[in-house]
């Protein structure tokens, strides 16, 4: 199964155009405290299977982690469960490099 992805530039454009989407951060709480994308909902990957009910089925969901590995796992799970989800290519690290240089990198 190929994992649907979105680039940081496309997410930036989506946010600027105020296109409806839900941004889900699957990192751990300590990572979320270091830096985060404004408006992201924190659901650590290990908690995602139990917290699927918090995500609306009809929403366009963009998932991110640090570099894209954990979020790719999350997107596979979400797609298998019938959600429209995309993986943010390069994760928050790519976001910090190409979109928001004010974010701390780790």
C-alpha atoms as a PDB file:
ATOM      1  CA  UNK A   1       0.000   0.000   0.000  1.00  0.00           C
ATOM      2  CA  UNK A   2       1.426   3.386  -0.949  1.00  0.00           C
ATOM      3  CA  UNK A   3       1.100   6.047   1.717  1.00  0.00           C
ATOM      4  CA  UNK A   4      -0.628   9.271   0.644  1.00  0.00           C
ATOM      5  CA  UNK A   5       1.652  12.238   1.322  1.00  0.00           C
ATOM      6  CA  UNK A   6       1.550  16.005   1.295  1.00  0.00           C
ATOM      7  CA  UNK A   7       4.508  18.380   1.111  1.00  0.00           C
ATOM      8  CA  UNK A   8       5.119  21.095   3.665  1.00  0.00           C
ATOM      9  CA  UNK A   9       4.587  23.666   0.900  1.00  0.00           C
ATOM     10  CA  UNK A  10       1.181  22.178   0.056  1.00  0.00           C
ATOM     11  CA  UNK A  11       0.180  22.128   3.726  1.00  0.00           C
ATOM     12  CA  UNK A  12       1.287  25.744   4.103  1.00  0.00           C
ATOM     13  CA  UNK A  13      -0.860  26.701   1.098  1.00  0.00           C
ATOM     14  CA  UNK A  14      -3.808  24.697   2.466  1.00  0.00           C
ATOM     15  CA  UNK A  15      -3.528  26.545   5.784  1.00  0.00           C
ATOM     16  CA  UNK A  16      -3.171  29.952   4.110  1.00  0.00           C
ATOM     17  CA  UNK A  17      -6.286  29.263   2.036  1.00  0.00           C
ATOM     18  CA  UNK A  18      -8.058  28.069   5.192  1.00  0.00           C
ATOM     19  CA  UNK A  19      -8.998  24.760   3.554  1.00  0.00           C
ATOM     20  CA  UNK A  20     -10.629  22.496   6.137  1.00  0.00           C
ATOM     21  CA  UNK A  21      -8.274  19.885   7.546  1.00  0.00           C
ATOM     22  CA  UNK A  22      -7.248  18.346  10.830  1.00  0.00           C
ATOM     23  CA  UNK A  23      -3.542  18.328  11.659  1.00  0.00           C
ATOM     24  CA  UNK A  24      -2.569  15.430  13.923  1.00  0.00           C
ATOM     25  CA  UNK A  25       0.813  15.254  15.661  1.00  0.00           C
ATOM     26  CA  UNK A  26       1.761  11.657  16.548  1.00  0.00           C
ATOM     27  CA  UNK A  27       4.964  12.527  18.429  1.00  0.00           C
ATOM     28  CA  UNK A  28       5.392  12.144  22.173  1.00  0.00           C
ATOM     29  CA  UNK A  29       4.356  14.917  24.613  1.00  0.00           C
ATOM     30  CA  UNK A  30       7.993  15.846  25.365  1.00  0.00           C
ATOM     31  CA  UNK A  31       8.623  16.385  21.633  1.00  0.00           C
ATOM     32  CA  UNK A  32       5.427  18.438  21.365  1.00  0.00           C
ATOM     33  CA  UNK A  33       6.768  20.714  24.125  1.00  0.00           C
ATOM     34  CA  UNK A  34       9.962  21.391  22.138  1.00  0.00           C
ATOM     35  CA  UNK A  35       8.089  22.637  19.079  1.00  0.00           C
ATOM     36  CA  UNK A  36       4.716  22.272  17.436  1.00  0.00           C
ATOM     37  CA  UNK A  37       2.723  23.431  14.450  1.00  0.00           C
ATOM     38  CA  UNK A  38      -0.030  25.777  15.590  1.00  0.00           C
ATOM     39  CA  UNK A  39      -3.391  24.024  15.798  1.00  0.00           C
ATOM     40  CA  UNK A  40      -2.053  20.462  15.717  1.00  0.00           C
ATOM     41  CA  UNK A  41      -3.879  17.865  17.830  1.00  0.00           C
ATOM     42  CA  UNK A  42      -1.460  15.717  19.810  1.00  0.00           C
ATOM     43  CA  UNK A  43      -2.248  11.994  19.682  1.00  0.00           C
ATOM     44  CA  UNK A  44       0.933   9.976  20.264  1.00  0.00           C
ATOM     45  CA  UNK A  45       1.227   7.058  17.826  1.00  0.00           C
ATOM     46  CA  UNK A  46       0.987   4.489  20.634  1.00  0.00           C
ATOM     47  CA  UNK A  47      -2.389   5.979  21.668  1.00  0.00           C
ATOM     48  CA  UNK A  48      -3.858   6.355  18.183  1.00  0.00           C
ATOM     49  CA  UNK A  49      -5.708   2.993  17.974  1.00  0.00           C
ATOM     50  CA  UNK A  50      -7.592   3.773  21.202  1.00  0.00           C
ATOM     51  CA  UNK A  51      -8.292   7.392  20.240  1.00  0.00           C
ATOM     52  CA  UNK A  52      -9.652   6.974  16.699  1.00  0.00           C
ATOM     53  CA  UNK A  53     -13.057   8.140  17.944  1.00  0.00           C
ATOM     54  CA  UNK A  54     -11.611  11.644  18.393  1.00  0.00           C
ATOM     55  CA  UNK A  55     -11.092  11.960  14.649  1.00  0.00           C
ATOM     56  CA  UNK A  56     -14.021  12.778  12.345  1.00  0.00           C
ATOM     57  CA  UNK A  57     -14.311  10.299   9.471  1.00  0.00           C
ATOM     58  CA  UNK A  58     -15.151  12.914   6.848  1.00  0.00           C
ATOM     59  CA  UNK A  59     -12.259  15.265   7.619  1.00  0.00           C
ATOM     60  CA  UNK A  60      -9.095  15.586   5.583  1.00  0.00           C
ATOM     61  CA  UNK A  61      -6.416  14.574   8.063  1.00  0.00           C
ATOM     62  CA  UNK A  62      -2.741  15.498   7.778  1.00  0.00           C
ATOM     63  CA  UNK A  63      -0.468  13.560  10.125  1.00  0.00           C
ATOM     64  CA  UNK A  64       3.042  14.525  11.143  1.00  0.00           C
ATOM     65  CA  UNK A  65       5.824  13.409  13.436  1.00  0.00           C
ATOM     66  CA  UNK A  66       9.495  14.409  13.604  1.00  0.00           C
ATOM     67  CA  UNK A  67      10.695  13.164  10.192  1.00  0.00           C
ATOM     68  CA  UNK A  68       7.776  11.144   8.761  1.00  0.00           C
ATOM     69  CA  UNK A  69       8.253   7.548   9.923  1.00  0.00           C
ATOM     70  CA  UNK A  70       5.746   7.379  12.762  1.00  0.00           C
ATOM     71  CA  UNK A  71       3.246   9.485  10.847  1.00  0.00           C
ATOM     72  CA  UNK A  72       3.519   7.081   7.890  1.00  0.00           C
ATOM     73  CA  UNK A  73       2.515   4.244  10.253  1.00  0.00           C
ATOM     74  CA  UNK A  74      -0.372   6.376  11.537  1.00  0.00           C
ATOM     75  CA  UNK A  75      -1.574   7.160   7.997  1.00  0.00           C
ATOM     76  CA  UNK A  76      -1.534   3.452   7.098  1.00  0.00           C
ATOM     77  CA  UNK A  77      -3.697   2.696  10.144  1.00  0.00           C
ATOM     78  CA  UNK A  78      -6.064   5.590   9.446  1.00  0.00           C
ATOM     79  CA  UNK A  79      -6.485   4.666   5.783  1.00  0.00           C
ATOM     80  CA  UNK A  80      -7.189   1.035   6.739  1.00  0.00           C
ATOM     81  CA  UNK A  81      -9.912   2.318   9.080  1.00  0.00           C
ATOM     82  CA  UNK A  82     -11.544   4.437   6.356  1.00  0.00           C
ATOM     83  CA  UNK A  83     -10.090   7.872   7.104  1.00  0.00           C
ATOM     84  CA  UNK A  84      -8.801  10.289   4.455  1.00  0.00           C
ATOM     85  CA  UNK A  85      -5.276  10.836   5.777  1.00  0.00           C
ATOM     86  CA  UNK A  86      -1.975  12.084   4.361  1.00  0.00           C
ATOM     87  CA  UNK A  87       1.542  11.942   5.728  1.00  0.00           C
ATOM     88  CA  UNK A  88       3.443  15.234   5.990  1.00  0.00           C
ATOM     89  CA  UNK A  89       6.633  14.496   4.046  1.00  0.00           C
ATOM     90  CA  UNK A  90       9.690  15.219   6.191  1.00  0.00           C
ATOM     91  CA  UNK A  91       7.608  15.897   9.295  1.00  0.00           C
ATOM     92  CA  UNK A  92       7.942  18.892  11.575  1.00  0.00           C
ATOM     93  CA  UNK A  93      11.671  19.018  10.840  1.00  0.00           C
ATOM     94  CA  UNK A  94      10.922  19.819   7.194  1.00  0.00           C
ATOM     95  CA  UNK A  95       8.253  22.318   8.303  1.00  0.00           C
ATOM     96  CA  UNK A  96      10.864  24.070  10.481  1.00  0.00           C
ATOM     97  CA  UNK A  97      13.411  24.122   7.617  1.00  0.00           C
ATOM     98  CA  UNK A  98      11.114  25.274   4.810  1.00  0.00           C
ATOM     99  CA  UNK A  99       8.092  27.021   6.345  1.00  0.00           C
ATOM    100  CA  UNK A 100       8.599  28.218   9.921  1.00  0.00           C
ATOM    101  CA  UNK A 101      12.238  28.814  10.839  1.00  0.00           C
ATOM    102  CA  UNK A 102      11.180  30.078  14.286  1.00  0.00           C
ATOM    103  CA  UNK A 103      10.512  26.493  15.411  1.00  0.00           C
ATOM    104  CA  UNK A 104      13.178  24.750  17.455  1.00  0.00           C
ATOM    105  CA  UNK A 105      14.814  21.798  15.696  1.00  0.00           C
ATOM    106  CA  UNK A 106      15.927  18.698  17.538  1.00  0.00           C
END
